[in-house]
Protein backbone atom coordinates (compact mmCIF):
# COMPACT_ATOMS: atom_id res chain seq x y z
CA MET A 1 -24.14 -10.21 -50.11
CA ARG A 2 -22.09 -7.44 -48.53
CA PRO A 3 -23.08 -4.04 -47.10
CA ASN A 4 -23.64 -1.55 -49.93
CA PHE A 5 -21.92 1.77 -50.53
CA HIS A 6 -24.57 3.89 -48.81
CA LEU A 7 -24.54 1.75 -45.67
CA MET A 8 -20.75 1.73 -45.49
CA ARG A 9 -20.50 5.49 -46.02
CA ALA A 10 -23.02 6.21 -43.26
CA THR A 11 -21.35 3.67 -40.96
CA LEU A 12 -17.83 5.00 -41.50
CA THR A 13 -18.99 8.58 -41.01
CA GLY A 14 -20.87 7.78 -37.81
CA ALA A 15 -17.89 5.79 -36.59
CA LEU A 16 -15.44 8.62 -37.29
CA GLY A 17 -16.57 10.13 -34.00
CA GLY A 18 -14.89 7.10 -32.46
CA LEU A 19 -11.55 8.05 -34.00
CA LEU A 20 -11.75 11.49 -32.41
CA PHE A 21 -12.92 9.84 -29.19
CA GLY A 22 -9.81 7.63 -29.12
CA PHE A 23 -7.41 10.38 -30.17
CA ASP A 24 -8.70 13.03 -27.78
CA THR A 25 -8.80 10.77 -24.73
CA ILE A 26 -5.29 9.34 -25.21
CA VAL A 27 -3.35 12.29 -26.60
CA ILE A 28 -3.11 13.71 -23.05
CA SER A 29 -0.75 10.85 -22.17
CA GLY A 30 2.02 12.55 -24.12
CA ALA A 31 1.36 16.06 -22.85
CA ILE A 32 0.63 15.39 -19.18
CA ASP A 33 4.23 15.47 -17.89
CA ALA A 34 4.87 18.81 -19.63
CA LEU A 35 1.71 20.21 -18.04
CA VAL A 36 2.78 18.92 -14.61
CA ARG A 37 6.11 20.71 -14.95
CA LEU A 38 4.63 23.90 -16.45
CA TYR A 39 1.94 24.36 -13.79
CA GLY A 40 3.65 22.61 -10.85
CA LEU A 41 0.85 20.05 -10.47
CA SER A 42 0.62 17.59 -7.57
CA ALA A 43 -0.30 13.91 -8.03
CA GLN A 44 -3.94 14.89 -7.47
CA GLY A 45 -3.61 17.79 -9.93
CA LYS A 46 -2.10 15.45 -12.49
CA GLY A 47 -5.00 13.04 -12.08
CA LEU A 48 -7.51 15.89 -12.35
CA THR A 49 -5.90 17.15 -15.58
CA VAL A 50 -6.43 13.72 -17.14
CA ALA A 51 -9.87 13.25 -15.55
CA ILE A 52 -11.42 16.64 -16.41
CA GLY A 53 -12.09 15.51 -19.96
CA LEU A 54 -13.68 12.36 -18.59
CA ILE A 55 -15.95 14.42 -16.33
CA GLY A 56 -17.11 16.10 -19.51
CA THR A 57 -17.80 12.70 -21.07
CA VAL A 58 -20.13 11.77 -18.21
CA VAL A 59 -22.17 14.94 -18.76
CA GLY A 60 -22.09 14.44 -22.53
CA ALA A 61 -23.13 10.79 -22.32
CA LEU A 62 -26.02 11.51 -19.96
CA GLY A 63 -27.34 14.37 -22.06
CA ALA A 64 -26.79 12.87 -25.51
CA GLY A 65 -29.74 10.47 -25.35
CA THR A 66 -32.26 13.24 -24.90
CA VAL A 67 -30.67 15.39 -27.60
CA GLY A 68 -30.48 12.40 -29.95
CA GLN A 69 -34.14 11.53 -29.44
CA ARG A 70 -35.19 15.13 -30.04
CA LEU A 71 -32.98 16.11 -32.99
CA GLY A 72 -32.05 12.73 -34.42
CA GLY A 73 -28.65 11.07 -34.33
CA ARG A 74 -27.28 12.78 -37.42
CA GLU A 75 -27.97 16.31 -36.22
CA ALA A 76 -26.74 15.53 -32.71
CA LEU A 77 -23.49 14.13 -34.12
CA ARG A 78 -22.93 17.43 -35.92
CA LEU A 79 -23.05 19.19 -32.56
CA THR A 80 -20.42 16.80 -31.17
CA ALA A 81 -18.15 17.55 -34.13
CA ILE A 82 -18.36 21.28 -33.33
CA LEU A 83 -17.38 20.52 -29.72
CA TYR A 84 -14.34 18.55 -30.95
CA VAL A 85 -13.21 21.47 -33.12
CA VAL A 86 -13.60 24.04 -30.33
CA SER A 87 -11.78 21.79 -27.84
CA ALA A 88 -8.79 21.10 -30.09
CA ILE A 89 -8.26 24.77 -30.91
CA GLY A 90 -8.80 25.87 -27.31
CA CYS A 91 -6.43 23.30 -25.80
CA GLY A 92 -3.69 24.13 -28.30
CA LEU A 93 -3.96 27.84 -27.53
CA ALA A 94 -4.68 27.54 -23.78
CA TRP A 95 -3.21 30.49 -21.81
CA SER A 96 -3.45 28.94 -18.32
CA TRP A 97 -4.19 25.68 -16.53
CA PRO A 98 -7.87 26.66 -15.92
CA SER A 99 -8.35 27.50 -19.61
CA PHE A 100 -6.79 24.18 -20.63
CA MET A 101 -9.10 22.38 -18.22
CA LEU A 102 -12.14 24.21 -19.63
CA PHE A 103 -11.40 23.21 -23.21
CA ARG A 104 -10.59 19.61 -22.18
CA PHE A 105 -14.02 19.54 -20.52
CA VAL A 106 -15.64 20.78 -23.75
CA GLY A 107 -13.86 18.00 -25.64
CA GLY A 108 -15.14 15.54 -23.07
CA LEU A 109 -18.71 16.64 -23.81
CA GLY A 110 -18.12 15.73 -27.44
CA ILE A 111 -16.52 12.39 -26.57
CA GLY A 112 -19.31 11.36 -24.23
CA ALA A 113 -22.03 12.40 -26.66
CA SER A 114 -20.43 10.67 -29.65
CA SER A 115 -19.88 7.48 -27.63
CA VAL A 116 -23.68 7.34 -27.27
CA LEU A 117 -24.84 8.71 -30.59
CA GLY A 118 -22.40 7.02 -32.98
CA PRO A 119 -23.13 3.37 -32.04
CA VAL A 120 -26.89 4.02 -31.79
CA TYR A 121 -26.95 5.69 -35.21
CA ILE A 122 -25.09 2.78 -36.81
CA ALA A 123 -27.18 0.13 -34.99
CA GLU A 124 -30.40 1.73 -36.21
CA LEU A 125 -29.20 1.74 -39.83
CA ALA A 126 -27.64 -1.72 -40.04
CA PRO A 127 -29.50 -4.93 -40.98
CA ALA A 128 -29.37 -7.49 -38.14
CA LYS A 129 -26.87 -9.84 -39.81
CA TRP A 130 -24.27 -7.08 -40.15
CA ARG A 131 -25.07 -5.02 -37.07
CA GLY A 132 -22.36 -6.42 -34.79
CA ARG A 133 -19.58 -5.88 -37.28
CA LEU A 134 -20.80 -2.45 -38.39
CA VAL A 135 -21.34 -1.09 -34.88
CA GLY A 136 -17.93 -2.60 -34.12
CA MET A 137 -16.53 -0.06 -36.61
CA PHE A 138 -17.01 2.55 -33.90
CA GLN A 139 -14.68 0.62 -31.60
CA PHE A 140 -12.31 0.02 -34.51
CA ASN A 141 -12.10 3.77 -35.01
CA ILE A 142 -11.56 4.34 -31.28
CA VAL A 143 -8.51 2.09 -31.27
CA THR A 144 -7.32 3.63 -34.55
CA GLY A 145 -7.56 7.02 -32.83
CA ILE A 146 -5.62 5.66 -29.85
CA LEU A 147 -2.85 4.37 -32.11
CA LEU A 148 -2.76 7.66 -34.02
CA ALA A 149 -2.49 9.57 -30.73
CA TYR A 150 0.54 7.51 -29.66
CA VAL A 151 2.15 7.89 -33.11
CA SER A 152 1.39 11.63 -33.15
CA ASN A 153 2.85 12.11 -29.67
CA TYR A 154 6.02 10.23 -30.63
CA TRP A 155 6.38 12.02 -33.98
CA ILE A 156 5.90 15.49 -32.45
CA ARG A 157 8.34 14.63 -29.64
CA THR A 158 11.04 13.75 -32.21
CA MET A 159 10.64 17.24 -33.71
CA HIS A 160 12.06 18.78 -30.48
CA LEU A 161 9.63 21.70 -30.38
CA GLY A 162 10.51 22.58 -26.80
CA ALA A 163 7.96 24.51 -24.77
CA THR A 164 5.31 24.38 -27.52
CA GLU A 165 5.50 20.60 -27.94
CA TRP A 166 2.44 19.83 -25.81
CA ARG A 167 0.38 22.46 -27.67
CA TRP A 168 0.99 20.71 -30.97
CA GLN A 169 0.22 17.34 -29.43
CA VAL A 170 -3.25 18.36 -28.25
CA GLY A 171 -4.04 20.89 -31.01
CA VAL A 172 -3.48 18.66 -34.03
CA ALA A 173 -6.87 16.99 -33.38
CA VAL A 174 -8.55 19.94 -35.08
CA LEU A 175 -7.80 18.42 -38.51
CA PRO A 176 -9.86 15.19 -38.17
CA ALA A 177 -12.53 17.12 -36.24
CA ILE A 178 -13.16 19.43 -39.21
CA GLY A 179 -13.24 16.41 -41.54
CA PHE A 180 -15.80 14.69 -39.32
CA LEU A 181 -18.06 17.74 -39.33
CA ALA A 182 -17.94 18.01 -43.13
CA LEU A 183 -18.75 14.33 -43.71
CA LEU A 184 -21.80 14.46 -41.43
CA PHE A 185 -23.58 16.54 -44.07
CA GLY A 186 -23.62 13.58 -46.49
CA ILE A 187 -25.46 10.87 -44.51
CA PRO A 188 -29.21 10.12 -43.97
CA ARG A 189 -31.33 10.22 -40.84
CA SER A 190 -31.94 7.01 -38.86
CA PRO A 191 -35.02 5.17 -40.20
CA ARG A 192 -36.10 4.36 -36.65
CA TRP A 193 -35.99 8.03 -35.68
CA SER A 194 -37.97 8.93 -38.82
CA ALA A 195 -40.56 6.26 -38.03
CA SER A 196 -40.90 7.58 -34.48
CA ARG A 197 -41.78 10.96 -36.03
CA ASN A 198 -44.26 9.30 -38.44
CA GLN A 199 -42.04 10.14 -41.41
CA ILE A 200 -42.80 6.75 -42.94
CA GLY A 201 -41.72 7.51 -46.51
CA ASP A 202 -38.31 8.74 -45.34
CA ALA A 203 -37.84 5.70 -43.10
CA LEU A 204 -38.69 3.27 -45.90
CA ALA A 205 -36.41 5.04 -48.36
CA VAL A 206 -33.46 4.84 -45.97
CA LEU A 207 -34.08 1.14 -45.22
CA LYS A 208 -34.02 0.45 -48.97
CA MET A 209 -30.88 2.57 -49.38
CA MET A 210 -29.13 0.65 -46.59
CA GLY A 211 -29.78 -2.70 -48.31
CA GLU A 212 -32.35 -4.09 -45.87
CA PRO A 213 -33.48 -7.47 -47.39
CA ASP A 214 -37.18 -6.77 -46.75
CA PRO A 215 -37.53 -3.06 -46.00
CA LYS A 216 -41.34 -3.10 -45.79
CA ALA A 217 -41.37 -5.93 -43.25
CA GLU A 218 -38.60 -4.27 -41.23
CA LEU A 219 -40.50 -0.98 -41.22
CA ASP A 220 -43.66 -2.77 -40.06
CA ASP A 221 -41.66 -4.41 -37.25
CA ILE A 222 -40.23 -1.04 -36.23
CA ARG A 223 -43.66 0.58 -36.21
CA GLU A 224 -45.18 -2.28 -34.22
CA ALA A 225 -42.42 -2.00 -31.62
CA LEU A 226 -43.00 1.74 -31.40
CA VAL A 227 -46.72 1.25 -30.87
CA GLN A 228 -46.23 -1.49 -28.27
CA GLU A 229 -43.93 0.71 -26.25
CA HIS A 230 -45.95 3.92 -26.81
CA ALA A 231 -42.59 5.30 -27.78
CA SER A 232 -41.96 8.97 -27.36
CA ALA A 233 -38.96 11.19 -26.93
CA HIS A 234 -40.00 11.83 -23.34
CA GLU A 235 -40.26 8.26 -22.04
CA PRO A 236 -37.94 7.77 -19.02
CA VAL A 237 -35.44 4.94 -19.14
CA PHE A 238 -35.36 4.42 -15.37
CA ARG A 239 -38.45 2.23 -15.16
CA TRP A 240 -38.87 -1.16 -13.50
CA LYS A 241 -39.58 -2.92 -16.79
CA TYR A 242 -36.15 -1.84 -18.05
CA ARG A 243 -34.29 -3.18 -14.99
CA TYR A 244 -32.62 -6.02 -16.92
CA PRO A 245 -31.24 -3.95 -19.83
CA LEU A 246 -30.24 -1.24 -17.33
CA PHE A 247 -28.26 -3.77 -15.29
CA LEU A 248 -26.59 -5.11 -18.43
CA ALA A 249 -25.63 -1.66 -19.73
CA ILE A 250 -24.43 -0.29 -16.38
CA SER A 251 -22.45 -3.40 -15.49
CA ILE A 252 -20.71 -3.81 -18.85
CA GLY A 253 -19.82 -0.11 -18.81
CA ALA A 254 -18.33 -0.40 -15.33
CA PHE A 255 -16.51 -3.68 -15.97
CA ASN A 256 -14.95 -2.19 -19.08
CA GLN A 257 -13.08 0.30 -16.90
CA LEU A 258 -12.57 -1.95 -13.87
CA ALA A 259 -10.37 -4.04 -16.15
CA GLY A 260 -7.94 -1.10 -16.01
CA ILE A 261 -7.80 -0.42 -19.72
CA ASN A 262 -7.88 3.36 -19.73
CA ALA A 263 -5.75 3.76 -16.61
CA ILE A 264 -3.10 1.82 -18.52
CA LEU A 265 -3.58 3.75 -21.77
CA TYR A 266 -3.63 7.21 -20.13
CA TYR A 267 -0.57 6.57 -17.95
CA LEU A 268 1.33 4.18 -20.22
CA PRO A 269 4.46 6.37 -20.46
CA ASN A 270 4.51 6.66 -16.65
CA ILE A 271 4.02 2.90 -16.23
CA PHE A 272 6.97 2.22 -18.52
CA ALA A 273 9.03 4.87 -16.72
CA SER A 274 8.34 3.06 -13.43
CA ALA A 275 9.82 -0.06 -15.01
CA GLY A 276 12.95 1.81 -16.11
CA PHE A 277 12.15 2.76 -19.72
CA SER A 278 13.21 6.16 -21.11
CA GLN A 279 10.62 8.66 -22.39
CA ILE A 280 11.29 8.01 -26.08
CA SER A 281 11.47 4.26 -25.49
CA GLY A 282 8.19 4.40 -23.57
CA ASP A 283 6.56 6.24 -26.49
CA GLN A 284 7.77 3.54 -28.85
CA GLN A 285 6.38 0.75 -26.64
CA ALA A 286 3.08 2.67 -26.48
CA ILE A 287 2.87 2.57 -30.27
CA ALA A 288 3.38 -1.22 -30.20
CA ILE A 289 0.55 -1.55 -27.69
CA GLY A 290 -1.69 0.78 -29.72
CA PHE A 291 -0.99 -1.32 -32.84
CA THR A 292 -1.85 -4.53 -30.97
CA ASN A 293 -5.08 -2.89 -29.80
CA LEU A 294 -6.00 -2.13 -33.41
CA ILE A 295 -5.18 -5.59 -34.78
CA PHE A 296 -7.09 -7.52 -32.11
CA THR A 297 -10.07 -5.19 -32.30
CA MET A 298 -10.26 -6.23 -35.96
CA VAL A 299 -10.10 -9.88 -34.86
CA GLY A 300 -12.91 -9.31 -32.38
CA MET A 301 -15.05 -7.53 -34.99
CA SER A 302 -14.54 -10.35 -37.48
CA VAL A 303 -15.88 -12.99 -35.09
CA ILE A 304 -18.41 -11.07 -32.98
CA ASP A 305 -21.40 -12.18 -35.09
CA LYS A 306 -20.10 -15.76 -35.29
CA LEU A 307 -18.88 -16.56 -31.78
CA GLY A 308 -21.24 -14.12 -30.10
CA ARG A 309 -20.85 -11.34 -27.56
CA LYS A 310 -20.94 -13.51 -24.44
CA THR A 311 -18.23 -15.92 -25.58
CA LEU A 312 -15.86 -13.07 -26.39
CA LEU A 313 -16.49 -11.43 -23.01
CA LEU A 314 -15.69 -14.67 -21.18
CA VAL A 315 -12.48 -15.31 -23.11
CA GLY A 316 -11.37 -11.72 -22.58
CA ALA A 317 -12.09 -11.66 -18.84
CA ALA A 318 -10.06 -14.81 -18.27
CA GLY A 319 -7.12 -13.56 -20.33
CA THR A 320 -6.98 -10.04 -18.91
CA ALA A 321 -7.18 -11.33 -15.33
CA GLY A 322 -4.08 -13.43 -15.88
CA CYS A 323 -2.14 -10.60 -17.53
CA LEU A 324 -3.05 -8.06 -14.84
CA GLY A 325 -1.88 -10.49 -12.19
CA GLY A 326 1.39 -10.81 -14.11
CA VAL A 327 1.93 -7.05 -14.21
CA ALA A 328 1.27 -6.80 -10.46
CA TRP A 329 3.82 -9.57 -9.83
CA LEU A 330 6.48 -7.80 -11.95
CA PHE A 331 6.15 -4.57 -9.99
CA LYS A 332 5.93 -6.40 -6.66
CA THR A 333 9.13 -8.37 -7.26
CA HIS A 334 10.96 -5.70 -9.32
CA SER A 335 12.06 -8.46 -11.66
CA HIS A 336 12.03 -9.07 -15.42
CA PRO A 337 11.11 -5.50 -16.46
CA GLY A 338 11.55 -6.43 -20.12
CA ALA A 339 8.57 -8.78 -19.81
CA LEU A 340 6.29 -5.83 -19.03
CA VAL A 341 5.88 -4.92 -22.70
CA TRP A 342 4.91 -8.46 -23.67
CA ILE A 343 2.45 -8.91 -20.81
CA LEU A 344 0.77 -5.60 -21.61
CA VAL A 345 0.65 -6.47 -25.32
CA THR A 346 -1.07 -9.76 -24.43
CA TYR A 347 -3.43 -7.93 -22.07
CA ILE A 348 -4.37 -5.47 -24.80
CA ALA A 349 -4.96 -8.34 -27.23
CA PHE A 350 -7.40 -10.07 -24.86
CA PHE A 351 -9.15 -6.81 -24.01
CA ALA A 352 -9.48 -5.63 -27.61
CA LEU A 353 -11.04 -8.81 -28.98
CA SER A 354 -13.53 -8.99 -26.09
CA GLN A 355 -14.56 -5.91 -24.12
CA GLY A 356 -13.24 -3.54 -26.75
CA ALA A 357 -15.18 -5.12 -29.61
CA VAL A 358 -18.35 -5.90 -27.64
CA ILE A 359 -19.21 -3.00 -25.32
CA TRP A 360 -20.67 -0.47 -27.75
CA VAL A 361 -22.48 -3.17 -29.72
CA TYR A 362 -23.99 -4.72 -26.61
CA ILE A 363 -25.20 -1.51 -24.98
CA GLY A 364 -26.81 -0.46 -28.27
CA GLU A 365 -28.68 -3.77 -28.55
CA VAL A 366 -30.29 -4.34 -25.16
CA PHE A 367 -32.69 -1.37 -24.99
CA PRO A 368 -36.04 -0.88 -26.78
CA ASN A 369 -36.32 1.62 -29.63
CA SER A 370 -38.12 4.22 -27.54
CA VAL A 371 -35.30 4.59 -24.99
CA ARG A 372 -32.29 3.26 -26.90
CA SER A 373 -30.38 6.54 -27.01
CA LYS A 374 -31.15 7.24 -23.34
CA GLY A 375 -30.21 3.68 -22.37
CA GLN A 376 -26.97 3.99 -24.32
CA GLY A 377 -26.37 7.19 -22.39
CA VAL A 378 -26.83 5.40 -19.05
CA GLY A 379 -24.44 2.60 -20.01
CA ASN A 380 -21.89 5.03 -21.33
CA ALA A 381 -22.21 7.22 -18.23
CA SER A 382 -21.44 4.16 -16.11
CA HIS A 383 -18.36 3.57 -18.27
CA TRP A 384 -17.23 7.19 -18.06
CA ILE A 385 -17.93 7.68 -14.34
CA MET A 386 -15.83 4.61 -13.55
CA ASN A 387 -13.21 5.81 -16.04
CA THR A 388 -13.09 9.23 -14.36
CA VAL A 389 -12.68 7.83 -10.86
CA ILE A 390 -9.91 5.45 -11.92
CA ALA A 391 -8.05 8.06 -14.03
CA LEU A 392 -8.26 10.56 -11.16
CA GLU A 393 -7.03 8.21 -8.46
CA PHE A 394 -4.53 5.99 -10.32
CA PRO A 395 -1.56 8.41 -9.92
CA VAL A 396 -2.57 9.09 -6.31
CA VAL A 397 -2.63 5.37 -5.42
CA VAL A 398 0.71 4.82 -7.16
CA HIS A 399 2.22 7.85 -5.41
CA TYR A 400 1.09 6.99 -1.88
CA LEU A 401 1.10 3.16 -2.08
CA ASN A 402 2.86 1.40 -4.96
CA THR A 403 2.50 0.57 -8.66
CA GLU A 404 1.27 -3.00 -8.19
CA THR A 405 -1.77 -2.21 -6.03
CA PRO A 406 -4.01 -0.93 -8.87
CA PHE A 407 -3.18 -3.98 -10.97
CA VAL A 408 -4.15 -6.38 -8.17
CA PHE A 409 -7.49 -4.56 -7.93
CA PHE A 410 -8.05 -4.67 -11.71
CA ALA A 411 -7.27 -8.41 -11.80
CA ALA A 412 -9.81 -9.10 -9.04
CA MET A 413 -12.48 -7.11 -10.86
CA THR A 414 -12.02 -9.07 -14.09
CA VAL A 415 -12.57 -12.30 -12.13
CA VAL A 416 -15.86 -10.86 -10.85
CA GLN A 417 -16.73 -9.85 -14.40
CA PHE A 418 -16.20 -13.41 -15.65
CA ALA A 419 -18.70 -14.75 -13.11
CA VAL A 420 -21.34 -12.10 -13.85
CA VAL A 421 -21.10 -12.59 -17.62
CA LEU A 422 -21.24 -16.38 -17.25
CA PHE A 423 -24.35 -16.46 -15.08
CA VAL A 424 -26.29 -13.30 -15.97
CA TYR A 425 -25.54 -11.98 -19.47
CA PRO A 426 -27.72 -13.14 -22.42
CA GLU A 427 -26.41 -13.72 -25.94
CA THR A 428 -27.71 -11.16 -28.46
CA LYS A 429 -26.09 -12.15 -31.77
CA GLY A 430 -28.22 -12.59 -34.88
CA GLN A 431 -31.42 -11.05 -33.51
CA THR A 432 -33.22 -7.93 -34.69
CA LEU A 433 -33.45 -5.00 -32.31
CA GLU A 434 -37.21 -5.53 -32.09
CA ALA A 435 -36.82 -9.23 -31.19
CA LEU A 436 -34.35 -8.28 -28.46
CA GLN A 437 -36.81 -5.70 -27.17
CA ARG A 438 -39.50 -8.37 -26.77
CA ARG A 439 -37.03 -10.66 -25.02
CA LEU A 440 -35.23 -8.27 -22.66
CA ALA A 441 -37.86 -5.60 -21.93
CA PRO A 442 -41.29 -7.01 -22.82
CA ALA A 443 -44.22 -4.61 -22.87
CA LYS A 444 -46.61 -4.97 -19.94
C-alpha cells in the first residue's frame, strides 16, 4: 500500500518550503561577486553578505517552534511563504547594500522557520512506515532548489543582462514563493496539533484522510502521550529530561555544517576559480554538483527506512572525510586541478545520501509531541548558527591563510562525527513518534 493522494499533496506542499529554502540560500553564490564589485566589499563584507540571510535563519528557527505550537504548522508555514515573497521582491529591487541586507535577513527568517515547520508538519501527518521517506521529501526539495538556483544563475548569466544581472538572479524566487503561498490554502492541520487543542474529531478525520492503518488507535496513542507529558504550548524544551534528544538535535545540526557542505555550495564558483576555472565553466560545474546532490538525495531517501538513519550517517561521514582530505591535498600541492570536480561530486554524493537525507528526519523524530516544534527549532538553530559562522569566516580564512585550511578542518570534524554517531546515536527507523518519546525522553 502506498501513500494516498491527500497525504502526498500535504507532504509535497509542506516540503515546497524546502525548495525555496534551497533556492534562496544558494542563489547568492551567483550574485555575490557582482555585489562585491558594486559596493566595494572586503573579504569580511563578502562573508557578511552571504551570512546575513543565515543570521535570519537562526532567528527564524528559534522562533518558529513557539509560533508553530500556538498557530499550528499550516498557519505558520503561510507566514513563512509571505516572508519569502517579500524577500525576493525586496532583494531584486534593493537600492543600496543595507537594503539588500535587510531583505536577505527577511528571507532568512522564512528559511529558518520553514526548516523547522515543514519537517515537523510532515512528520506529524505521516504514518510511521512512510515517515522517513516523506519527511525526506523536504530535503529532496532543498536539493532541487539548490540545483534550480545553479541552473537559474547560469541561465541568467548567459543572457548578458549587465548591471541588472544580479537583480534577476535573486528576484526570480518570487515566482515559486507565490506558488507556495497559494498551495498552503489546500492542506489540513496536523492531527497532533488538533489533538493538543482537544479537537478530537478534526484529528481523527485527518488521520483517516492520511491513510493511517488504525486511526483510532493512533489517536489514542497521541492522546496518551499528550497526557503523560502534560503537553502544552508553553512547556520549555530546555529541561533535564530532554537532555538526550537535545544533544542529538544540536550535535547533528552542528555536524551537518562542520562537514563543510554549505561553505562549499555558497562559494562554489570561487572555489573553482581558485583552481583555475572560468566563471561560466565554474557555473557549469556547479550545475553538475547540484545534479549529483539531487540524485543521491533520492538514493538516501529510498533507503533511509530500510538501512536506517545511523547506518547512512556512518557511511556518509567516512566518505566525506576522505573527499575533504582529497580537496585539501589538491590545493596544498597545486596539482591535478581537473580532479577537483570529481572529488567534489563524490563528496556531494556521500553527503546527500547521509547527512542530507537524514538530518531533518532525525531532528523531527527525537523529541516528544509537546516540544517537537521547539526541539526542531533548537536543532535547526544549531545547524544555522554553525552555518552562519562558517559562511562568514570561510572567505576570510581563505584570504588570510589559504584555500586548503578550511578543508583540513572540515575533514577532521567529519572524523569526530563518525565516532559520535557510532557510539552515541540511537537508531530511530520504523518506530512511531510516541514510541520514540517513551524511549528517548521518558516521563518522570
